[in-house]
Amino acid sequence: MAAMPAVRPIRPHCIGFAHRGASADAPENTLEAFALALRLGATGLESDVWITADGVPVLDHDGLMPDGTPFREVARAALPAHVPALRELYDACGRGFELSLDVKDPDAAPAVSAVARERGDPRRLWLCHWNWRVVASFRELDAKIRLVDSTRVAVMRTAPRERAGRMVALGIDALNLHWSDWSESLAAEFRARDRRLLAWDAQDESALGVALALGVDGVFSDHVARMMRAIRS
């Protein structure tokens, strides 16, 4: 039986997203981790974004104060010192990178879009959410932003071809799956509709190799140097 042809990527180069910055080598979601990731060669940064009580989008995984109070109930000035605002990320690191933000609080999305227009580049901003309906609602914020349906195959209730068609209709640009969920047949369905393919949690050489062999457009890893070696090779 003839071997299946390799799935060719849309982009000439895969984006290397540093998950929460260079989180294997520095405190995650800090300006230190983001700057280190770029020095190590990452072409993209990744974080989770929340909104504060005074409307500032900030980058953190849990979005909770030490006492459990949600960030949305606290003013920016009262947050722990290590938690950066999105504006501070752009001020510290510039705008020469792709930025993937998991929008944990959908109310943060309008402020994120505004900061990206002011300090960054909306064309290099990827907004992710696990609910495709929420993702689709972000399209009205800016036509240039990349929208990402971030999910798992086990919870996808529609067939891949139907889901890809729905993504096209709603203006959702990319499907983000755990690296182990991707297969050649699945990738081909979304590639046929010109959707971008992203693979998260690619932490070791084996996972990176599987994802890259499928021609994904972006991978997410804590280990930036390892990820970039795999992409370059």
C-alpha atoms as a PDB file:
ATOM      1  CA  MET A   1       0.000   0.000   0.000  1.00  0.00           C
ATOM      2  CA  ALA A   2       1.395   3.392  -0.958  1.00  0.00           C
ATOM      3  CA  ALA A   3       2.391   5.698   1.862  1.00  0.00           C
ATOM      4  CA  MET A   4       0.149   8.678   2.503  1.00  0.00           C
ATOM      5  CA  PRO A   5       1.681  11.937   1.305  1.00  0.00           C
ATOM      6  CA  ALA A   6       2.845  14.348   3.970  1.00  0.00           C
ATOM      7  CA  VAL A   7       0.405  17.094   4.866  1.00  0.00           C
ATOM      8  CA  ARG A   8       1.960  20.368   3.717  1.00  0.00           C
ATOM      9  CA  PRO A   9       1.720  23.381   6.034  1.00  0.00           C
ATOM     10  CA  ILE A  10       0.154  26.665   4.973  1.00  0.00           C
ATOM     11  CA  ARG A  11       2.989  28.614   6.558  1.00  0.00           C
ATOM     12  CA  PRO A  12       6.550  28.121   5.289  1.00  0.00           C
ATOM     13  CA  HIS A  13       7.718  27.961   8.907  1.00  0.00           C
ATOM     14  CA  CYS A  14       6.021  26.560  11.987  1.00  0.00           C
ATOM     15  CA  ILE A  15       5.455  29.019  14.845  1.00  0.00           C
ATOM     16  CA  GLY A  16       7.191  28.049  18.084  1.00  0.00           C
ATOM     17  CA  PHE A  17       4.902  29.270  20.880  1.00  0.00           C
ATOM     18  CA  ALA A  18       6.609  29.464  24.279  1.00  0.00           C
ATOM     19  CA  HIS A  19       3.959  28.173  26.678  1.00  0.00           C
ATOM     20  CA  ARG A  20       3.613  30.732  29.490  1.00  0.00           C
ATOM     21  CA  GLY A  21       6.967  32.030  28.307  1.00  0.00           C
ATOM     22  CA  ALA A  22      10.090  29.918  28.768  1.00  0.00           C
ATOM     23  CA  SER A  23       8.291  28.266  31.671  1.00  0.00           C
ATOM     24  CA  ALA A  24      10.722  25.348  31.951  1.00  0.00           C
ATOM     25  CA  ASP A  25      13.538  27.804  32.695  1.00  0.00           C
ATOM     26  CA  ALA A  26      11.931  30.810  34.415  1.00  0.00           C
ATOM     27  CA  PRO A  27       8.849  31.600  36.534  1.00  0.00           C
ATOM     28  CA  GLU A  28       5.865  31.144  34.241  1.00  0.00           C
ATOM     29  CA  ASN A  29       3.847  34.076  32.911  1.00  0.00           C
ATOM     30  CA  THR A  30       6.405  36.654  34.007  1.00  0.00           C
ATOM     31  CA  LEU A  31       8.149  39.280  31.895  1.00  0.00           C
ATOM     32  CA  GLU A  32      11.368  37.403  32.666  1.00  0.00           C
ATOM     33  CA  ALA A  33       9.967  34.193  31.165  1.00  0.00           C
ATOM     34  CA  PHE A  34       8.610  35.948  28.070  1.00  0.00           C
ATOM     35  CA  ALA A  35      11.857  37.826  27.394  1.00  0.00           C
ATOM     36  CA  LEU A  36      13.914  34.659  27.909  1.00  0.00           C
ATOM     37  CA  ALA A  37      11.700  32.761  25.452  1.00  0.00           C
ATOM     38  CA  LEU A  38      12.410  35.309  22.743  1.00  0.00           C
ATOM     39  CA  ARG A  39      16.162  35.214  23.480  1.00  0.00           C
ATOM     40  CA  LEU A  40      16.015  31.422  23.088  1.00  0.00           C
ATOM     41  CA  GLY A  41      14.507  31.861  19.640  1.00  0.00           C
ATOM     42  CA  ALA A  42      10.761  31.465  20.207  1.00  0.00           C
ATOM     43  CA  THR A  43       8.728  33.024  17.410  1.00  0.00           C
ATOM     44  CA  GLY A  44       5.562  33.110  19.499  1.00  0.00           C
ATOM     45  CA  LEU A  45       4.539  33.611  23.118  1.00  0.00           C
ATOM     46  CA  GLU A  46       1.551  32.064  24.912  1.00  0.00           C
ATOM     47  CA  SER A  47      -0.331  32.996  28.055  1.00  0.00           C
ATOM     48  CA  ASP A  48      -3.758  33.134  29.691  1.00  0.00           C
ATOM     49  CA  VAL A  49      -5.460  36.519  29.914  1.00  0.00           C
ATOM     50  CA  TRP A  50      -7.851  37.906  32.532  1.00  0.00           C
ATOM     51  CA  ILE A  51      -9.461  41.282  33.168  1.00  0.00           C
ATOM     52  CA  THR A  52      -9.093  43.275  36.405  1.00  0.00           C
ATOM     53  CA  ALA A  53     -11.789  45.269  38.176  1.00  0.00           C
ATOM     54  CA  ASP A  54     -10.498  48.434  36.508  1.00  0.00           C
ATOM     55  CA  GLY A  55     -10.440  46.940  33.010  1.00  0.00           C
ATOM     56  CA  VAL A  56      -6.776  45.988  32.578  1.00  0.00           C
ATOM     57  CA  PRO A  57      -5.960  42.729  30.725  1.00  0.00           C
ATOM     58  CA  VAL A  58      -3.322  40.791  32.698  1.00  0.00           C
ATOM     59  CA  LEU A  59      -1.429  37.550  32.121  1.00  0.00           C
ATOM     60  CA  ASP A  60      -1.674  34.700  34.617  1.00  0.00           C
ATOM     61  CA  HIS A  61      -2.702  31.043  34.633  1.00  0.00           C
ATOM     62  CA  ASP A  62      -5.305  30.891  37.403  1.00  0.00           C
ATOM     63  CA  GLY A  63      -6.449  34.523  37.613  1.00  0.00           C
ATOM     64  CA  LEU A  64      -6.775  34.341  41.395  1.00  0.00           C
ATOM     65  CA  MET A  65      -5.293  36.279  44.276  1.00  0.00           C
ATOM     66  CA  PRO A  66      -3.501  34.267  46.992  1.00  0.00           C
ATOM     67  CA  ASP A  67      -6.732  34.318  49.026  1.00  0.00           C
ATOM     68  CA  GLY A  68      -8.744  33.006  46.068  1.00  0.00           C
ATOM     69  CA  THR A  69     -10.332  36.303  45.035  1.00  0.00           C
ATOM     70  CA  PRO A  70     -10.772  36.469  41.224  1.00  0.00           C
ATOM     71  CA  PHE A  71      -8.721  39.099  39.440  1.00  0.00           C
ATOM     72  CA  ARG A  72     -11.915  40.608  37.992  1.00  0.00           C
ATOM     73  CA  GLU A  73     -12.781  41.767  41.530  1.00  0.00           C
ATOM     74  CA  VAL A  74      -9.387  43.382  42.160  1.00  0.00           C
ATOM     75  CA  ALA A  75      -7.774  46.553  40.792  1.00  0.00           C
ATOM     76  CA  ARG A  76      -4.627  46.174  38.712  1.00  0.00           C
ATOM     77  CA  ALA A  77      -2.489  47.950  41.290  1.00  0.00           C
ATOM     78  CA  ALA A  78      -3.416  45.374  43.955  1.00  0.00           C
ATOM     79  CA  LEU A  79      -2.295  42.306  41.981  1.00  0.00           C
ATOM     80  CA  PRO A  80       0.910  40.452  42.883  1.00  0.00           C
ATOM     81  CA  ALA A  81       3.974  42.197  41.473  1.00  0.00           C
ATOM     82  CA  HIS A  82       4.939  39.307  39.193  1.00  0.00           C
ATOM     83  CA  VAL A  83       1.662  39.434  37.217  1.00  0.00           C
ATOM     84  CA  PRO A  84       2.221  41.496  34.039  1.00  0.00           C
ATOM     85  CA  ALA A  85      -0.361  43.514  32.175  1.00  0.00           C
ATOM     86  CA  LEU A  86      -0.617  42.854  28.445  1.00  0.00           C
ATOM     87  CA  ARG A  87       0.540  46.418  27.797  1.00  0.00           C
ATOM     88  CA  GLU A  88       3.681  45.716  29.838  1.00  0.00           C
ATOM     89  CA  LEU A  89       4.430  42.616  27.782  1.00  0.00           C
ATOM     90  CA  TYR A  90       4.407  44.648  24.569  1.00  0.00           C
ATOM     91  CA  ASP A  91       6.437  47.441  26.177  1.00  0.00           C
ATOM     92  CA  ALA A  92       9.079  44.987  27.405  1.00  0.00           C
ATOM     93  CA  CYS A  93       9.246  42.604  24.433  1.00  0.00           C
ATOM     94  CA  GLY A  94       8.117  44.651  21.443  1.00  0.00           C
ATOM     95  CA  ARG A  95       5.742  43.373  18.797  1.00  0.00           C
ATOM     96  CA  GLY A  96       7.932  41.140  16.637  1.00  0.00           C
ATOM     97  CA  PHE A  97       6.330  37.858  17.669  1.00  0.00           C
ATOM     98  CA  GLU A  98       3.079  35.921  17.418  1.00  0.00           C
ATOM     99  CA  LEU A  99       1.017  36.075  20.619  1.00  0.00           C
ATOM    100  CA  SER A 100      -1.440  33.352  21.587  1.00  0.00           C
ATOM    101  CA  LEU A 101      -3.763  34.246  24.460  1.00  0.00           C
ATOM    102  CA  ASP A 102      -6.156  31.797  26.064  1.00  0.00           C
ATOM    103  CA  VAL A 103      -9.044  34.101  26.981  1.00  0.00           C
ATOM    104  CA  LYS A 104     -10.024  32.669  30.344  1.00  0.00           C
ATOM    105  CA  ASP A 105     -12.405  35.571  31.039  1.00  0.00           C
ATOM    106  CA  PRO A 106     -14.249  36.466  27.797  1.00  0.00           C
ATOM    107  CA  ASP A 107     -14.888  39.953  29.193  1.00  0.00           C
ATOM    108  CA  ALA A 108     -11.155  40.575  28.711  1.00  0.00           C
ATOM    109  CA  ALA A 109     -11.344  40.235  24.924  1.00  0.00           C
ATOM    110  CA  PRO A 110     -12.328  43.844  24.030  1.00  0.00           C
ATOM    111  CA  ALA A 111      -9.523  45.276  26.178  1.00  0.00           C
ATOM    112  CA  VAL A 112      -7.048  42.772  24.726  1.00  0.00           C
ATOM    113  CA  SER A 113      -8.001  43.832  21.211  1.00  0.00           C
ATOM    114  CA  ALA A 114      -7.607  47.517  22.103  1.00  0.00           C
ATOM    115  CA  VAL A 115      -4.144  46.997  23.617  1.00  0.00           C
ATOM    116  CA  ALA A 116      -3.039  44.952  20.600  1.00  0.00           C
ATOM    117  CA  ARG A 117      -4.059  47.766  18.260  1.00  0.00           C
ATOM    118  CA  GLU A 118      -2.292  50.361  20.394  1.00  0.00           C
ATOM    119  CA  ARG A 119       0.914  48.561  21.357  1.00  0.00           C
ATOM    120  CA  GLY A 120       1.131  45.362  19.341  1.00  0.00           C
ATOM    121  CA  ASP A 121      -0.083  43.927  16.058  1.00  0.00           C
ATOM    122  CA  PRO A 122      -3.615  42.463  15.778  1.00  0.00           C
ATOM    123  CA  ARG A 123      -2.473  40.392  12.785  1.00  0.00           C
ATOM    124  CA  ARG A 124      -0.136  38.497  15.116  1.00  0.00           C
ATOM    125  CA  LEU A 125      -2.653  38.044  17.934  1.00  0.00           C
ATOM    126  CA  TRP A 126      -4.268  34.610  18.320  1.00  0.00           C
ATOM    127  CA  LEU A 127      -7.281  34.516  20.670  1.00  0.00           C
ATOM    128  CA  CYS A 128      -8.159  31.047  21.972  1.00  0.00           C
ATOM    129  CA  HIS A 129     -11.113  29.635  23.875  1.00  0.00           C
ATOM    130  CA  TRP A 130     -12.523  26.155  24.453  1.00  0.00           C
ATOM    131  CA  ASN A 131     -16.041  27.166  23.368  1.00  0.00           C
ATOM    132  CA  TRP A 132     -16.270  27.806  19.612  1.00  0.00           C
ATOM    133  CA  ARG A 133     -19.283  30.074  20.097  1.00  0.00           C
ATOM    134  CA  VAL A 134     -17.247  32.332  22.375  1.00  0.00           C
ATOM    135  CA  VAL A 135     -14.378  32.285  19.884  1.00  0.00           C
ATOM    136  CA  ALA A 136     -16.703  33.308  17.062  1.00  0.00           C
ATOM    137  CA  SER A 137     -17.957  36.269  19.106  1.00  0.00           C
ATOM    138  CA  PHE A 138     -14.442  37.742  19.125  1.00  0.00           C
ATOM    139  CA  ARG A 139     -14.554  38.313  15.353  1.00  0.00           C
ATOM    140  CA  GLU A 140     -16.502  41.561  15.785  1.00  0.00           C
ATOM    141  CA  LEU A 141     -13.581  43.027  17.756  1.00  0.00           C
ATOM    142  CA  ASP A 142     -11.134  43.158  14.845  1.00  0.00           C
ATOM    143  CA  ALA A 143     -11.075  41.514  11.430  1.00  0.00           C
ATOM    144  CA  LYS A 144      -7.306  41.039  11.646  1.00  0.00           C
ATOM    145  CA  ILE A 145      -7.171  38.955  14.821  1.00  0.00           C
ATOM    146  CA  ARG A 146      -6.594  35.204  14.470  1.00  0.00           C
ATOM    147  CA  LEU A 147      -9.326  33.198  16.177  1.00  0.00           C
ATOM    148  CA  VAL A 148      -8.579  29.750  17.601  1.00  0.00           C
ATOM    149  CA  ASP A 149     -10.940  26.908  18.488  1.00  0.00           C
ATOM    150  CA  SER A 150      -8.992  25.170  21.264  1.00  0.00           C
ATOM    151  CA  THR A 151     -10.410  21.758  22.156  1.00  0.00           C
ATOM    152  CA  ARG A 152      -9.896  17.983  22.287  1.00  0.00           C
ATOM    153  CA  VAL A 153     -11.094  15.381  19.801  1.00  0.00           C
ATOM    154  CA  ALA A 154     -12.927  13.531  22.570  1.00  0.00           C
ATOM    155  CA  VAL A 155     -15.315  16.451  23.100  1.00  0.00           C
ATOM    156  CA  MET A 156     -15.846  17.427  19.453  1.00  0.00           C
ATOM    157  CA  ARG A 157     -19.531  16.782  18.728  1.00  0.00           C
ATOM    158  CA  THR A 158     -19.405  17.471  14.991  1.00  0.00           C
ATOM    159  CA  ALA A 159     -17.580  15.586  12.274  1.00  0.00           C
ATOM    160  CA  PRO A 160     -14.253  17.139  11.239  1.00  0.00           C
ATOM    161  CA  ARG A 161     -15.450  18.178   7.778  1.00  0.00           C
ATOM    162  CA  GLU A 162     -18.546  19.842   9.221  1.00  0.00           C
ATOM    163  CA  ARG A 163     -16.528  21.548  11.937  1.00  0.00           C
ATOM    164  CA  ALA A 164     -14.016  22.866   9.399  1.00  0.00           C
ATOM    165  CA  GLY A 165     -16.833  24.266   7.288  1.00  0.00           C
ATOM    166  CA  ARG A 166     -18.358  25.947  10.327  1.00  0.00           C
ATOM    167  CA  MET A 167     -14.995  27.503  11.157  1.00  0.00           C
ATOM    168  CA  VAL A 168     -14.803  28.991   7.674  1.00  0.00           C
ATOM    169  CA  ALA A 169     -18.329  30.387   7.936  1.00  0.00           C
ATOM    170  CA  LEU A 170     -17.659  31.961  11.337  1.00  0.00           C
ATOM    171  CA  GLY A 171     -14.190  33.292  10.540  1.00  0.00           C
ATOM    172  CA  ILE A 172     -12.361  30.991  12.988  1.00  0.00           C
ATOM    173  CA  ASP A 173      -8.836  30.625  11.667  1.00  0.00           C
ATOM    174  CA  ALA A 174      -7.290  27.713  13.532  1.00  0.00           C
ATOM    175  CA  LEU A 175      -7.956  24.481  15.394  1.00  0.00           C
ATOM    176  CA  ASN A 176      -5.767  23.879  18.426  1.00  0.00           C
ATOM    177  CA  LEU A 177      -5.585  20.272  19.645  1.00  0.00           C
ATOM    178  CA  HIS A 178      -3.369  18.330  21.991  1.00  0.00           C
ATOM    179  CA  TRP A 179      -0.512  17.060  19.832  1.00  0.00           C
ATOM    180  CA  SER A 180      -1.625  13.444  20.380  1.00  0.00           C
ATOM    181  CA  ASP A 181      -5.093  14.171  18.944  1.00  0.00           C
ATOM    182  CA  TRP A 182      -3.785  15.063  15.492  1.00  0.00           C
ATOM    183  CA  SER A 183      -3.633  12.481  12.691  1.00  0.00           C
ATOM    184  CA  GLU A 184      -2.954  12.739   8.974  1.00  0.00           C
ATOM    185  CA  SER A 185      -6.614  12.259   8.099  1.00  0.00           C
ATOM    186  CA  LEU A 186      -7.800  14.837  10.630  1.00  0.00           C
ATOM    187  CA  ALA A 187      -5.175  17.356   9.566  1.00  0.00           C
ATOM    188  CA  ALA A 188      -6.152  16.875   5.936  1.00  0.00           C
ATOM    189  CA  GLU A 189      -9.801  17.761   6.656  1.00  0.00           C
ATOM    190  CA  PHE A 190      -8.921  21.137   8.167  1.00  0.00           C
ATOM    191  CA  ARG A 191      -6.090  21.821   5.752  1.00  0.00           C
ATOM    192  CA  ALA A 192      -8.530  21.348   2.866  1.00  0.00           C
ATOM    193  CA  ARG A 193     -10.506  24.333   4.193  1.00  0.00           C
ATOM    194  CA  ASP A 194      -7.337  26.412   4.703  1.00  0.00           C
ATOM    195  CA  ARG A 195      -7.607  26.318   8.490  1.00  0.00           C
ATOM    196  CA  ARG A 196      -4.443  26.574  10.555  1.00  0.00           C
ATOM    197  CA  LEU A 197      -3.359  23.588  12.662  1.00  0.00           C
ATOM    198  CA  LEU A 198      -1.934  24.134  16.152  1.00  0.00           C
ATOM    199  CA  ALA A 199      -0.632  21.506  18.575  1.00  0.00           C
ATOM    200  CA  TRP A 200      -0.308  22.096  22.298  1.00  0.00           C
ATOM    201  CA  ASP A 201       1.673  20.345  25.047  1.00  0.00           C
ATOM    202  CA  ALA A 202       4.455  19.189  22.709  1.00  0.00           C
ATOM    203  CA  GLN A 203       7.068  18.860  25.441  1.00  0.00           C
ATOM    204  CA  ASP A 204       9.581  16.268  24.271  1.00  0.00           C
ATOM    205  CA  GLU A 205      11.325  15.364  21.031  1.00  0.00           C
ATOM    206  CA  SER A 206       8.850  12.597  20.264  1.00  0.00           C
ATOM    207  CA  ALA A 207       5.767  14.805  20.621  1.00  0.00           C
ATOM    208  CA  LEU A 208       7.388  17.620  18.669  1.00  0.00           C
ATOM    209  CA  GLY A 209       8.416  15.204  15.927  1.00  0.00           C
ATOM    210  CA  VAL A 210       4.906  13.805  15.527  1.00  0.00           C
ATOM    211  CA  ALA A 211       3.313  17.254  15.344  1.00  0.00           C
ATOM    212  CA  LEU A 212       5.887  18.707  12.982  1.00  0.00           C
ATOM    213  CA  ALA A 213       5.730  15.679  10.669  1.00  0.00           C
ATOM    214  CA  LEU A 214       2.025  16.412  10.201  1.00  0.00           C
ATOM    215  CA  GLY A 215       2.848  19.925   9.044  1.00  0.00           C
ATOM    216  CA  VAL A 216       1.191  21.868  11.852  1.00  0.00           C
ATOM    217  CA  ASP A 217       1.401  25.655  11.707  1.00  0.00           C
ATOM    218  CA  GLY A 218       2.301  26.097  15.357  1.00  0.00           C
ATOM    219  CA  VAL A 219       3.394  24.110  18.410  1.00  0.00           C
ATOM    220  CA  PHE A 220       3.283  25.008  22.105  1.00  0.00           C
ATOM    221  CA  SER A 221       5.968  23.918  24.549  1.00  0.00           C
ATOM    222  CA  ASP A 222       7.477  24.846  27.909  1.00  0.00           C
ATOM    223  CA  HIS A 223      10.925  23.859  26.583  1.00  0.00           C
ATOM    224  CA  VAL A 224      11.786  26.617  24.146  1.00  0.00           C
ATOM    225  CA  ALA A 225      15.300  25.629  23.118  1.00  0.00           C
ATOM    226  CA  ARG A 226      14.182  22.037  22.481  1.00  0.00           C
ATOM    227  CA  MET A 227      11.144  23.211  20.519  1.00  0.00           C
ATOM    228  CA  MET A 228      13.126  25.547  18.319  1.00  0.00           C
ATOM    229  CA  ARG A 229      15.778  22.887  17.587  1.00  0.00           C
ATOM    230  CA  ALA A 230      13.012  20.564  16.454  1.00  0.00           C
ATOM    231  CA  ILE A 231      11.438  23.226  14.236  1.00  0.00           C
ATOM    232  CA  ARG A 232      14.754  24.188  12.662  1.00  0.00           C
ATOM    233  CA  SER A 233      15.635  20.561  11.977  1.00  0.00           C
END
